[in-house]
Amino acid sequence: MAAVFNTQVSLAWILVHLYSQPELLKIARDELGSCPNLVEYSHLVRLPFVNSCIDESVRLHTMLPGNTVVRRAKADVTYTDGERRQVSIPAGSMVWLYPNAVHLDEAFFPEPKAFCPMRMLNGNLERMSSEFELVTFGHGRQRCIGEKMARAMICVFLGTILPDIDATPPPSLPQEGFFDLIPASQLRLMNPMRRVASVRQ
């Protein structure tokens, strides 16, 4: 699934959110306009806002099967939970991580259900109290091997589409259920050739 299905889902949500918020769409278009030739992976670092849109979309719309990550404990672990209780996990136990428990927690992300790419910019990620507050692409050896490819594909697609195509956003954002992955609404293109023609002139 790396950089294939998940990339489509992320892209669909990014488009819905950007076309629903003109001020964010303008920022993305301006940034993409400053780097028109995305021919090398190194060019992607020049797109901090677009990359933050990817992180924010994946934070809001986790695309893991069942929205969970499953791991097996390799050693006995004891930790203190949020209510200061000691919890022991024996070696060999299956551990389920539910990313939305963190991604939609107001303690970590104010207004957690809002699409706000700015929360990922200007060192905000580095100021988080734990590297595990954002688990969009996993960590360590289990980190998503398709992350760089997915980012490249999304950035190139957005760099091709956003500057030249306008679209009307859906009247309201889809209401998500537990397993809803792709927006139920559709973007409607508005005079796509108008912008293309103006660019060519």
N, C-alpha and C. Protein backbone atom coordinates (compact mmCIF):
# COMPACT_ATOMS: atom_id res chain seq x y z
N MET A 1 0.82 -1.20 0.00
CA MET A 1 0.00 0.00 0.00
C MET A 1 0.85 1.26 0.00
N ALA A 2 2.17 1.11 0.30
CA ALA A 2 3.03 2.28 0.42
C ALA A 2 3.01 3.08 -0.87
N ALA A 3 2.74 4.38 -0.73
CA ALA A 3 2.79 5.33 -1.85
C ALA A 3 1.84 4.97 -2.99
N VAL A 4 0.82 4.15 -2.74
CA VAL A 4 -0.15 3.84 -3.78
C VAL A 4 -1.53 4.25 -3.28
N PHE A 5 -2.21 3.37 -2.54
CA PHE A 5 -3.55 3.70 -2.05
C PHE A 5 -3.51 4.89 -1.09
N ASN A 6 -2.61 4.86 -0.12
CA ASN A 6 -2.56 5.93 0.87
C ASN A 6 -2.29 7.28 0.24
N THR A 7 -1.49 7.30 -0.82
CA THR A 7 -1.18 8.56 -1.49
C THR A 7 -2.44 9.16 -2.11
N GLN A 8 -3.27 8.32 -2.71
CA GLN A 8 -4.52 8.81 -3.29
C GLN A 8 -5.42 9.43 -2.22
N VAL A 9 -5.49 8.75 -1.08
CA VAL A 9 -6.35 9.24 0.00
C VAL A 9 -5.83 10.58 0.52
N SER A 10 -4.53 10.66 0.78
CA SER A 10 -3.95 11.92 1.26
C SER A 10 -4.20 13.04 0.27
N LEU A 11 -3.98 12.75 -0.99
CA LEU A 11 -4.16 13.76 -2.03
C LEU A 11 -5.61 14.23 -2.10
N ALA A 12 -6.54 13.29 -2.02
CA ALA A 12 -7.96 13.66 -2.06
C ALA A 12 -8.30 14.61 -0.93
N TRP A 13 -7.82 14.30 0.28
CA TRP A 13 -8.13 15.16 1.43
C TRP A 13 -7.43 16.51 1.32
N ILE A 14 -6.18 16.52 0.85
CA ILE A 14 -5.48 17.80 0.70
C ILE A 14 -6.24 18.70 -0.27
N LEU A 15 -6.69 18.15 -1.39
CA LEU A 15 -7.43 18.95 -2.36
C LEU A 15 -8.73 19.48 -1.77
N VAL A 16 -9.47 18.62 -1.06
CA VAL A 16 -10.72 19.07 -0.44
C VAL A 16 -10.45 20.21 0.53
N HIS A 17 -9.44 20.05 1.38
CA HIS A 17 -9.15 21.09 2.38
C HIS A 17 -8.65 22.38 1.73
N LEU A 18 -7.75 22.28 0.77
CA LEU A 18 -7.20 23.50 0.15
C LEU A 18 -8.26 24.25 -0.65
N TYR A 19 -9.07 23.54 -1.42
CA TYR A 19 -10.10 24.23 -2.20
C TYR A 19 -11.23 24.74 -1.32
N SER A 20 -11.31 24.26 -0.09
CA SER A 20 -12.32 24.75 0.85
C SER A 20 -11.83 25.96 1.63
N GLN A 21 -10.53 26.24 1.57
CA GLN A 21 -9.96 27.37 2.33
C GLN A 21 -9.07 28.19 1.38
N PRO A 22 -9.65 29.20 0.72
CA PRO A 22 -8.92 29.96 -0.30
C PRO A 22 -7.61 30.56 0.19
N GLU A 23 -7.55 30.95 1.46
CA GLU A 23 -6.30 31.55 1.96
C GLU A 23 -5.17 30.52 1.99
N LEU A 24 -5.49 29.29 2.32
CA LEU A 24 -4.48 28.23 2.30
C LEU A 24 -4.12 27.84 0.87
N LEU A 25 -5.11 27.84 0.00
CA LEU A 25 -4.86 27.54 -1.41
C LEU A 25 -3.88 28.55 -2.01
N LYS A 26 -4.05 29.82 -1.65
CA LYS A 26 -3.14 30.86 -2.17
C LYS A 26 -1.72 30.64 -1.68
N ILE A 27 -1.57 30.30 -0.41
CA ILE A 27 -0.22 30.05 0.13
C ILE A 27 0.44 28.90 -0.62
N ALA A 28 -0.33 27.82 -0.84
CA ALA A 28 0.22 26.66 -1.55
C ALA A 28 0.59 27.03 -2.98
N ARG A 29 -0.29 27.77 -3.66
CA ARG A 29 0.01 28.17 -5.04
C ARG A 29 1.24 29.06 -5.10
N ASP A 30 1.35 30.01 -4.19
CA ASP A 30 2.51 30.91 -4.18
C ASP A 30 3.80 30.12 -3.96
N GLU A 31 3.76 29.18 -3.03
CA GLU A 31 4.96 28.40 -2.74
C GLU A 31 5.34 27.53 -3.95
N LEU A 32 4.35 26.88 -4.55
CA LEU A 32 4.63 26.05 -5.72
C LEU A 32 5.13 26.90 -6.89
N GLY A 33 4.61 28.13 -6.99
CA GLY A 33 5.06 29.02 -8.05
C GLY A 33 6.51 29.43 -7.91
N SER A 34 7.02 29.41 -6.67
CA SER A 34 8.42 29.79 -6.44
C SER A 34 9.37 28.65 -6.79
N CYS A 35 8.83 27.47 -7.02
CA CYS A 35 9.67 26.31 -7.36
C CYS A 35 8.96 25.51 -8.45
N PRO A 36 8.92 26.07 -9.68
CA PRO A 36 8.09 25.47 -10.73
C PRO A 36 8.59 24.15 -11.28
N ASN A 37 9.88 23.87 -11.16
CA ASN A 37 10.42 22.64 -11.75
C ASN A 37 10.79 21.64 -10.67
N LEU A 38 9.85 20.78 -10.32
CA LEU A 38 10.08 19.78 -9.28
C LEU A 38 10.66 18.53 -9.93
N VAL A 39 11.92 18.61 -10.33
CA VAL A 39 12.53 17.49 -11.04
C VAL A 39 13.46 16.67 -10.16
N GLU A 40 13.83 17.18 -9.01
CA GLU A 40 14.71 16.45 -8.10
C GLU A 40 14.08 16.40 -6.72
N TYR A 41 14.35 15.31 -6.01
CA TYR A 41 13.77 15.18 -4.67
C TYR A 41 14.22 16.32 -3.77
N SER A 42 15.43 16.83 -3.97
CA SER A 42 15.94 17.92 -3.13
C SER A 42 15.09 19.18 -3.25
N HIS A 43 14.33 19.31 -4.35
CA HIS A 43 13.48 20.48 -4.52
C HIS A 43 12.33 20.49 -3.52
N LEU A 44 11.97 19.32 -3.02
CA LEU A 44 10.81 19.24 -2.12
C LEU A 44 11.04 19.98 -0.82
N VAL A 45 12.31 20.13 -0.41
CA VAL A 45 12.57 20.85 0.84
C VAL A 45 12.25 22.33 0.69
N ARG A 46 12.07 22.79 -0.53
CA ARG A 46 11.71 24.19 -0.77
C ARG A 46 10.20 24.40 -0.65
N LEU A 47 9.50 23.36 -0.28
CA LEU A 47 8.04 23.42 -0.18
C LEU A 47 7.58 23.10 1.25
N PRO A 48 7.99 23.89 2.24
CA PRO A 48 7.62 23.56 3.62
C PRO A 48 6.12 23.59 3.86
N PHE A 49 5.40 24.53 3.22
CA PHE A 49 3.96 24.60 3.45
C PHE A 49 3.25 23.40 2.84
N VAL A 50 3.62 23.04 1.61
CA VAL A 50 3.00 21.88 0.96
C VAL A 50 3.27 20.61 1.76
N ASN A 51 4.50 20.46 2.24
CA ASN A 51 4.82 19.29 3.07
C ASN A 51 4.03 19.30 4.37
N SER A 52 3.80 20.50 4.93
CA SER A 52 3.00 20.57 6.16
C SER A 52 1.55 20.21 5.88
N CYS A 53 1.07 20.50 4.66
CA CYS A 53 -0.29 20.08 4.28
C CYS A 53 -0.38 18.55 4.25
N ILE A 54 0.69 17.91 3.79
CA ILE A 54 0.71 16.44 3.77
C ILE A 54 0.65 15.91 5.20
N ASP A 55 1.50 16.45 6.08
CA ASP A 55 1.51 15.98 7.48
C ASP A 55 0.17 16.21 8.16
N GLU A 56 -0.42 17.39 7.91
CA GLU A 56 -1.69 17.70 8.56
C GLU A 56 -2.82 16.83 8.02
N SER A 57 -2.81 16.57 6.73
CA SER A 57 -3.83 15.70 6.15
C SER A 57 -3.74 14.29 6.72
N VAL A 58 -2.51 13.77 6.81
CA VAL A 58 -2.33 12.42 7.34
C VAL A 58 -2.65 12.38 8.83
N ARG A 59 -2.37 13.47 9.55
CA ARG A 59 -2.73 13.52 10.98
C ARG A 59 -4.25 13.43 11.14
N LEU A 60 -4.97 14.21 10.34
CA LEU A 60 -6.43 14.26 10.45
C LEU A 60 -7.10 13.00 9.93
N HIS A 61 -6.54 12.41 8.90
CA HIS A 61 -7.20 11.30 8.20
C HIS A 61 -6.25 10.12 8.14
N THR A 62 -6.06 9.48 9.28
CA THR A 62 -5.16 8.32 9.36
C THR A 62 -5.63 7.24 8.40
N MET A 63 -4.70 6.69 7.65
CA MET A 63 -5.08 5.74 6.60
C MET A 63 -4.62 4.33 6.87
N LEU A 64 -4.32 4.03 8.12
CA LEU A 64 -3.91 2.68 8.46
C LEU A 64 -5.12 1.77 8.51
N PRO A 65 -4.97 0.51 8.15
CA PRO A 65 -6.11 -0.42 8.23
C PRO A 65 -6.68 -0.45 9.65
N GLY A 66 -7.95 -0.08 9.78
CA GLY A 66 -8.56 -0.05 11.10
C GLY A 66 -8.05 1.07 11.97
N ASN A 67 -7.29 2.00 11.37
CA ASN A 67 -6.72 3.13 12.12
C ASN A 67 -5.86 2.67 13.29
N THR A 68 -5.20 1.55 13.16
CA THR A 68 -4.37 1.05 14.26
C THR A 68 -3.01 0.58 13.75
N VAL A 69 -2.07 0.54 14.68
CA VAL A 69 -0.75 -0.05 14.43
C VAL A 69 -0.59 -1.16 15.45
N VAL A 70 -0.17 -2.33 15.01
CA VAL A 70 -0.03 -3.48 15.91
C VAL A 70 1.45 -3.86 16.00
N ARG A 71 1.93 -4.01 17.23
CA ARG A 71 3.31 -4.43 17.46
C ARG A 71 3.32 -5.49 18.56
N ARG A 72 4.41 -6.27 18.62
CA ARG A 72 4.59 -7.25 19.68
C ARG A 72 5.70 -6.76 20.60
N ALA A 73 5.43 -6.72 21.90
CA ALA A 73 6.44 -6.27 22.87
C ALA A 73 7.59 -7.26 22.91
N LYS A 74 8.82 -6.75 22.76
CA LYS A 74 9.99 -7.62 22.77
C LYS A 74 10.53 -7.86 24.17
N ALA A 75 10.13 -7.01 25.11
CA ALA A 75 10.60 -7.14 26.50
C ALA A 75 9.49 -6.71 27.44
N ASP A 76 9.61 -7.07 28.70
CA ASP A 76 8.65 -6.60 29.70
C ASP A 76 8.77 -5.08 29.80
N VAL A 77 7.62 -4.41 29.83
CA VAL A 77 7.60 -2.95 29.91
C VAL A 77 6.63 -2.54 31.00
N THR A 78 7.02 -1.56 31.81
CA THR A 78 6.12 -0.97 32.79
C THR A 78 6.15 0.54 32.60
N TYR A 79 4.97 1.14 32.53
CA TYR A 79 4.91 2.59 32.36
C TYR A 79 3.77 3.15 33.20
N THR A 80 3.76 4.47 33.35
CA THR A 80 2.70 5.15 34.09
C THR A 80 1.74 5.77 33.10
N ASP A 81 0.46 5.45 33.20
CA ASP A 81 -0.50 5.98 32.24
C ASP A 81 -0.94 7.39 32.65
N GLY A 82 -1.90 7.94 31.90
CA GLY A 82 -2.35 9.31 32.13
C GLY A 82 -3.01 9.53 33.47
N GLU A 83 -3.44 8.46 34.12
CA GLU A 83 -4.06 8.57 35.44
C GLU A 83 -3.11 8.13 36.54
N ARG A 84 -1.81 8.10 36.20
CA ARG A 84 -0.73 7.77 37.15
C ARG A 84 -0.83 6.34 37.69
N ARG A 85 -1.38 5.45 36.88
CA ARG A 85 -1.42 4.04 37.26
C ARG A 85 -0.24 3.32 36.62
N GLN A 86 0.32 2.37 37.32
CA GLN A 86 1.39 1.54 36.76
C GLN A 86 0.76 0.47 35.87
N VAL A 87 1.22 0.41 34.64
CA VAL A 87 0.71 -0.58 33.69
C VAL A 87 1.88 -1.44 33.23
N SER A 88 1.71 -2.74 33.32
CA SER A 88 2.77 -3.67 32.90
C SER A 88 2.36 -4.38 31.62
N ILE A 89 3.30 -4.46 30.69
CA ILE A 89 3.08 -5.17 29.43
C ILE A 89 4.12 -6.27 29.34
N PRO A 90 3.72 -7.53 29.47
CA PRO A 90 4.69 -8.64 29.41
C PRO A 90 5.26 -8.80 28.01
N ALA A 91 6.49 -9.27 27.94
CA ALA A 91 7.11 -9.57 26.65
C ALA A 91 6.24 -10.55 25.88
N GLY A 92 6.13 -10.35 24.58
CA GLY A 92 5.31 -11.22 23.75
C GLY A 92 3.88 -10.74 23.57
N SER A 93 3.47 -9.74 24.37
CA SER A 93 2.10 -9.22 24.25
C SER A 93 1.92 -8.44 22.95
N MET A 94 0.72 -8.52 22.40
CA MET A 94 0.38 -7.69 21.25
C MET A 94 -0.05 -6.33 21.76
N VAL A 95 0.52 -5.28 21.19
CA VAL A 95 0.20 -3.91 21.60
C VAL A 95 -0.43 -3.19 20.41
N TRP A 96 -1.58 -2.59 20.67
CA TRP A 96 -2.29 -1.85 19.62
C TRP A 96 -2.14 -0.36 19.88
N LEU A 97 -1.67 0.36 18.87
CA LEU A 97 -1.56 1.82 18.95
C LEU A 97 -2.68 2.41 18.10
N TYR A 98 -3.42 3.32 18.68
CA TYR A 98 -4.50 4.00 17.97
C TYR A 98 -4.05 5.44 17.74
N PRO A 99 -3.50 5.77 16.55
CA PRO A 99 -2.94 7.10 16.32
C PRO A 99 -3.89 8.25 16.60
N ASN A 100 -5.18 8.07 16.32
CA ASN A 100 -6.12 9.18 16.55
C ASN A 100 -6.24 9.55 18.01
N ALA A 101 -5.88 8.63 18.91
CA ALA A 101 -5.90 8.97 20.34
C ALA A 101 -4.93 10.10 20.62
N VAL A 102 -3.88 10.20 19.82
CA VAL A 102 -2.90 11.28 19.95
C VAL A 102 -3.21 12.39 18.97
N HIS A 103 -3.46 12.04 17.72
CA HIS A 103 -3.63 13.04 16.67
C HIS A 103 -4.84 13.94 16.89
N LEU A 104 -5.85 13.45 17.59
CA LEU A 104 -7.05 14.25 17.82
C LEU A 104 -7.19 14.66 19.28
N ASP A 105 -6.06 14.68 20.00
CA ASP A 105 -6.04 15.06 21.41
C ASP A 105 -5.73 16.56 21.52
N GLU A 106 -6.64 17.32 22.14
CA GLU A 106 -6.45 18.77 22.27
C GLU A 106 -5.21 19.12 23.07
N ALA A 107 -4.75 18.22 23.91
CA ALA A 107 -3.54 18.50 24.69
C ALA A 107 -2.33 18.64 23.79
N PHE A 108 -2.35 17.97 22.64
CA PHE A 108 -1.23 18.03 21.70
C PHE A 108 -1.53 18.94 20.51
N PHE A 109 -2.77 18.92 20.05
CA PHE A 109 -3.15 19.68 18.86
C PHE A 109 -4.40 20.50 19.16
N PRO A 110 -4.26 21.80 19.49
CA PRO A 110 -5.44 22.64 19.70
C PRO A 110 -6.35 22.60 18.47
N GLU A 111 -7.66 22.62 18.71
CA GLU A 111 -8.63 22.45 17.63
C GLU A 111 -8.23 21.27 16.74
N PRO A 112 -8.20 20.09 17.30
CA PRO A 112 -7.62 18.94 16.61
C PRO A 112 -8.31 18.54 15.32
N LYS A 113 -9.60 18.88 15.16
CA LYS A 113 -10.30 18.47 13.94
C LYS A 113 -10.22 19.52 12.83
N ALA A 114 -9.51 20.61 13.10
CA ALA A 114 -9.32 21.65 12.08
C ALA A 114 -8.10 21.33 11.22
N PHE A 115 -8.21 21.61 9.94
CA PHE A 115 -7.07 21.45 9.03
C PHE A 115 -6.23 22.72 9.13
N CYS A 116 -5.10 22.62 9.79
CA CYS A 116 -4.26 23.78 10.06
C CYS A 116 -2.79 23.43 9.80
N PRO A 117 -2.35 23.51 8.54
CA PRO A 117 -0.97 23.15 8.22
C PRO A 117 0.07 23.98 8.97
N MET A 118 -0.30 25.21 9.36
CA MET A 118 0.65 26.07 10.05
C MET A 118 1.15 25.47 11.36
N ARG A 119 0.37 24.57 11.94
CA ARG A 119 0.81 23.96 13.20
C ARG A 119 2.05 23.09 12.99
N MET A 120 2.33 22.73 11.73
CA MET A 120 3.49 21.88 11.42
C MET A 120 4.71 22.70 10.99
N LEU A 121 4.56 24.03 10.91
CA LEU A 121 5.63 24.89 10.39
C LEU A 121 6.44 25.55 11.49
N ASN A 122 7.56 26.16 11.07
CA ASN A 122 8.38 27.03 11.93
C ASN A 122 8.82 26.36 13.22
N GLY A 123 9.22 25.11 13.13
CA GLY A 123 9.75 24.43 14.30
C GLY A 123 8.71 23.93 15.27
N ASN A 124 7.42 24.05 14.92
CA ASN A 124 6.37 23.60 15.84
C ASN A 124 6.48 22.11 16.13
N LEU A 125 6.84 21.32 15.12
CA LEU A 125 6.99 19.88 15.35
C LEU A 125 8.12 19.60 16.32
N GLU A 126 9.23 20.35 16.19
CA GLU A 126 10.38 20.13 17.05
C GLU A 126 10.09 20.49 18.50
N ARG A 127 9.10 21.38 18.71
CA ARG A 127 8.78 21.80 20.07
C ARG A 127 7.83 20.85 20.79
N MET A 128 7.36 19.83 20.10
CA MET A 128 6.49 18.87 20.76
C MET A 128 7.25 18.15 21.86
N SER A 129 6.55 17.81 22.92
CA SER A 129 7.21 17.22 24.08
C SER A 129 7.68 15.80 23.84
N SER A 130 7.15 15.15 22.81
CA SER A 130 7.53 13.77 22.52
C SER A 130 7.49 13.54 21.02
N GLU A 131 8.42 12.74 20.51
CA GLU A 131 8.42 12.42 19.09
C GLU A 131 7.22 11.57 18.71
N PHE A 132 6.52 11.04 19.70
CA PHE A 132 5.40 10.16 19.42
C PHE A 132 4.06 10.90 19.39
N GLU A 133 4.10 12.24 19.46
CA GLU A 133 2.85 12.99 19.36
C GLU A 133 2.31 12.96 17.94
N LEU A 134 3.19 12.77 16.97
CA LEU A 134 2.78 12.69 15.57
C LEU A 134 3.32 11.39 15.00
N VAL A 135 2.43 10.47 14.70
CA VAL A 135 2.88 9.15 14.23
C VAL A 135 2.33 8.87 12.83
N THR A 136 2.34 9.89 12.00
CA THR A 136 1.74 9.76 10.67
C THR A 136 2.43 8.72 9.81
N PHE A 137 3.75 8.66 9.86
CA PHE A 137 4.49 7.72 9.02
C PHE A 137 5.25 6.68 9.85
N GLY A 138 4.95 6.59 11.12
CA GLY A 138 5.62 5.62 11.96
C GLY A 138 6.96 6.11 12.46
N HIS A 139 7.72 5.20 13.10
CA HIS A 139 9.01 5.55 13.69
C HIS A 139 9.99 4.40 13.53
N GLY A 140 11.27 4.75 13.57
CA GLY A 140 12.32 3.75 13.62
C GLY A 140 12.31 2.80 12.44
N ARG A 141 12.64 1.53 12.73
CA ARG A 141 12.73 0.53 11.65
C ARG A 141 11.38 0.27 10.99
N GLN A 142 10.30 0.57 11.70
CA GLN A 142 8.97 0.33 11.16
C GLN A 142 8.41 1.54 10.42
N ARG A 143 9.23 2.59 10.25
CA ARG A 143 8.75 3.79 9.56
C ARG A 143 8.38 3.44 8.12
N CYS A 144 7.39 4.11 7.60
CA CYS A 144 6.88 3.83 6.26
C CYS A 144 7.99 3.97 5.22
N ILE A 145 8.23 2.90 4.48
CA ILE A 145 9.29 2.94 3.47
C ILE A 145 8.85 3.72 2.23
N GLY A 146 7.57 3.99 2.11
CA GLY A 146 7.08 4.73 0.94
C GLY A 146 6.91 6.21 1.20
N GLU A 147 7.32 6.71 2.39
CA GLU A 147 7.07 8.11 2.73
C GLU A 147 7.66 9.08 1.71
N LYS A 148 8.94 8.91 1.38
CA LYS A 148 9.57 9.86 0.46
C LYS A 148 8.93 9.81 -0.92
N MET A 149 8.61 8.61 -1.36
CA MET A 149 7.96 8.48 -2.67
C MET A 149 6.58 9.14 -2.63
N ALA A 150 5.84 8.92 -1.55
CA ALA A 150 4.50 9.51 -1.43
C ALA A 150 4.58 11.03 -1.43
N ARG A 151 5.53 11.58 -0.66
CA ARG A 151 5.69 13.05 -0.63
C ARG A 151 6.02 13.58 -2.02
N ALA A 152 6.93 12.90 -2.71
CA ALA A 152 7.32 13.35 -4.05
C ALA A 152 6.12 13.32 -5.00
N MET A 153 5.35 12.23 -4.96
CA MET A 153 4.20 12.10 -5.86
C MET A 153 3.16 13.18 -5.58
N ILE A 154 2.89 13.42 -4.29
CA ILE A 154 1.88 14.43 -3.94
C ILE A 154 2.36 15.82 -4.34
N CYS A 155 3.62 16.14 -4.05
CA CYS A 155 4.14 17.47 -4.38
C CYS A 155 4.12 17.71 -5.89
N VAL A 156 4.53 16.72 -6.67
CA VAL A 156 4.54 16.88 -8.13
C VAL A 156 3.11 17.02 -8.64
N PHE A 157 2.18 16.23 -8.11
CA PHE A 157 0.78 16.33 -8.54
C PHE A 157 0.23 17.72 -8.21
N LEU A 158 0.44 18.17 -6.97
CA LEU A 158 -0.07 19.49 -6.59
C LEU A 158 0.60 20.59 -7.40
N GLY A 159 1.90 20.43 -7.68
CA GLY A 159 2.60 21.42 -8.47
C GLY A 159 2.09 21.50 -9.90
N THR A 160 1.50 20.41 -10.38
CA THR A 160 0.94 20.38 -11.73
C THR A 160 -0.49 20.90 -11.76
N ILE A 161 -1.27 20.54 -10.75
CA ILE A 161 -2.70 20.83 -10.75
C ILE A 161 -3.05 22.20 -10.16
N LEU A 162 -2.54 22.49 -8.97
CA LEU A 162 -3.00 23.69 -8.25
C LEU A 162 -2.79 24.99 -9.00
N PRO A 163 -1.64 25.21 -9.67
CA PRO A 163 -1.47 26.51 -10.32
C PRO A 163 -2.45 26.77 -11.45
N ASP A 164 -2.96 25.74 -12.10
CA ASP A 164 -3.73 25.92 -13.33
C ASP A 164 -5.20 25.56 -13.24
N ILE A 165 -5.63 24.96 -12.17
CA ILE A 165 -7.01 24.48 -12.11
C ILE A 165 -7.71 25.02 -10.88
N ASP A 166 -8.87 25.62 -11.11
CA ASP A 166 -9.74 26.04 -10.02
C ASP A 166 -10.79 24.95 -9.82
N ALA A 167 -11.32 24.86 -8.64
CA ALA A 167 -12.37 23.89 -8.35
C ALA A 167 -13.28 24.44 -7.28
N THR A 168 -14.54 24.07 -7.34
CA THR A 168 -15.45 24.47 -6.28
C THR A 168 -15.40 23.40 -5.20
N PRO A 169 -15.27 23.82 -3.95
CA PRO A 169 -15.24 22.84 -2.86
C PRO A 169 -16.61 22.24 -2.64
N PRO A 170 -16.67 21.10 -1.99
CA PRO A 170 -17.98 20.54 -1.64
C PRO A 170 -18.68 21.49 -0.68
N PRO A 171 -20.02 21.49 -0.66
CA PRO A 171 -20.75 22.41 0.23
C PRO A 171 -20.39 22.22 1.70
N SER A 172 -20.03 21.02 2.07
CA SER A 172 -19.57 20.77 3.44
C SER A 172 -18.61 19.59 3.39
N LEU A 173 -17.70 19.56 4.34
CA LEU A 173 -16.76 18.45 4.38
C LEU A 173 -17.49 17.17 4.75
N PRO A 174 -17.08 16.05 4.19
CA PRO A 174 -17.73 14.78 4.52
C PRO A 174 -17.64 14.49 6.01
N GLN A 175 -18.67 13.87 6.52
CA GLN A 175 -18.64 13.42 7.91
C GLN A 175 -18.01 12.04 7.93
N GLU A 176 -16.92 11.92 8.67
CA GLU A 176 -16.19 10.65 8.66
C GLU A 176 -16.77 9.65 9.65
N GLY A 177 -16.78 8.42 9.25
CA GLY A 177 -17.05 7.33 10.16
C GLY A 177 -15.73 6.66 10.48
N PHE A 178 -15.78 5.57 11.21
CA PHE A 178 -14.54 4.95 11.68
C PHE A 178 -13.67 4.47 10.53
N PHE A 179 -14.30 3.94 9.46
CA PHE A 179 -13.50 3.40 8.37
C PHE A 179 -13.57 4.25 7.10
N ASP A 180 -14.16 5.45 7.18
CA ASP A 180 -14.19 6.30 6.00
C ASP A 180 -12.77 6.77 5.69
N LEU A 181 -12.33 6.56 4.47
CA LEU A 181 -10.97 6.93 4.11
C LEU A 181 -10.91 8.02 3.05
N ILE A 182 -11.82 7.98 2.09
CA ILE A 182 -11.77 8.93 0.99
C ILE A 182 -12.97 9.87 1.09
N PRO A 183 -12.78 11.16 0.80
CA PRO A 183 -13.91 12.09 0.88
C PRO A 183 -15.09 11.59 0.06
N ALA A 184 -16.28 11.70 0.65
CA ALA A 184 -17.48 11.26 -0.06
C ALA A 184 -17.90 12.31 -1.08
N SER A 185 -17.44 13.55 -0.92
CA SER A 185 -17.80 14.62 -1.84
C SER A 185 -16.86 14.63 -3.04
N GLN A 186 -17.24 15.39 -4.04
CA GLN A 186 -16.38 15.54 -5.21
C GLN A 186 -16.06 17.01 -5.40
N LEU A 187 -14.85 17.29 -5.88
CA LEU A 187 -14.50 18.64 -6.29
C LEU A 187 -15.01 18.83 -7.71
N ARG A 188 -15.58 20.00 -7.98
CA ARG A 188 -16.04 20.29 -9.33
C ARG A 188 -15.09 21.30 -9.96
N LEU A 189 -14.56 20.94 -11.13
CA LEU A 189 -13.63 21.84 -11.81
C LEU A 189 -14.37 23.05 -12.34
N MET A 190 -13.74 24.21 -12.21
CA MET A 190 -14.32 25.46 -12.70
C MET A 190 -13.40 26.03 -13.78
N ASN A 191 -13.86 26.04 -15.01
CA ASN A 191 -13.09 26.64 -16.10
C ASN A 191 -11.62 26.28 -16.03
N PRO A 192 -11.27 25.01 -16.05
CA PRO A 192 -9.86 24.67 -15.89
C PRO A 192 -8.97 25.27 -16.96
N MET A 193 -9.50 25.44 -18.19
CA MET A 193 -8.66 25.96 -19.27
C MET A 193 -8.42 27.46 -19.14
N ARG A 194 -9.24 28.16 -18.36
CA ARG A 194 -9.04 29.60 -18.19
C ARG A 194 -7.68 29.87 -17.58
N ARG A 195 -7.36 29.16 -16.52
CA ARG A 195 -6.07 29.39 -15.87
C ARG A 195 -4.93 28.88 -16.75
N VAL A 196 -5.16 27.75 -17.43
CA VAL A 196 -4.11 27.22 -18.30
C VAL A 196 -3.81 28.21 -19.41
N ALA A 197 -4.88 28.78 -20.00
CA ALA A 197 -4.70 29.74 -21.09
C ALA A 197 -3.94 30.97 -20.61
N SER A 198 -4.27 31.45 -19.42
CA SER A 198 -3.60 32.65 -18.92
C SER A 198 -2.14 32.38 -18.65
N VAL A 199 -1.83 31.15 -18.24
CA VAL A 199 -0.43 30.81 -17.99
C VAL A 199 0.34 30.74 -19.30
N ARG A 200 -0.30 30.18 -20.34
CA ARG A 200 0.39 30.02 -21.62
C ARG A 200 0.62 31.35 -22.31
N GLN A 201 -0.24 32.34 -22.07
CA GLN A 201 -0.07 33.63 -22.73
C GLN A 201 1.09 34.32 -22.20
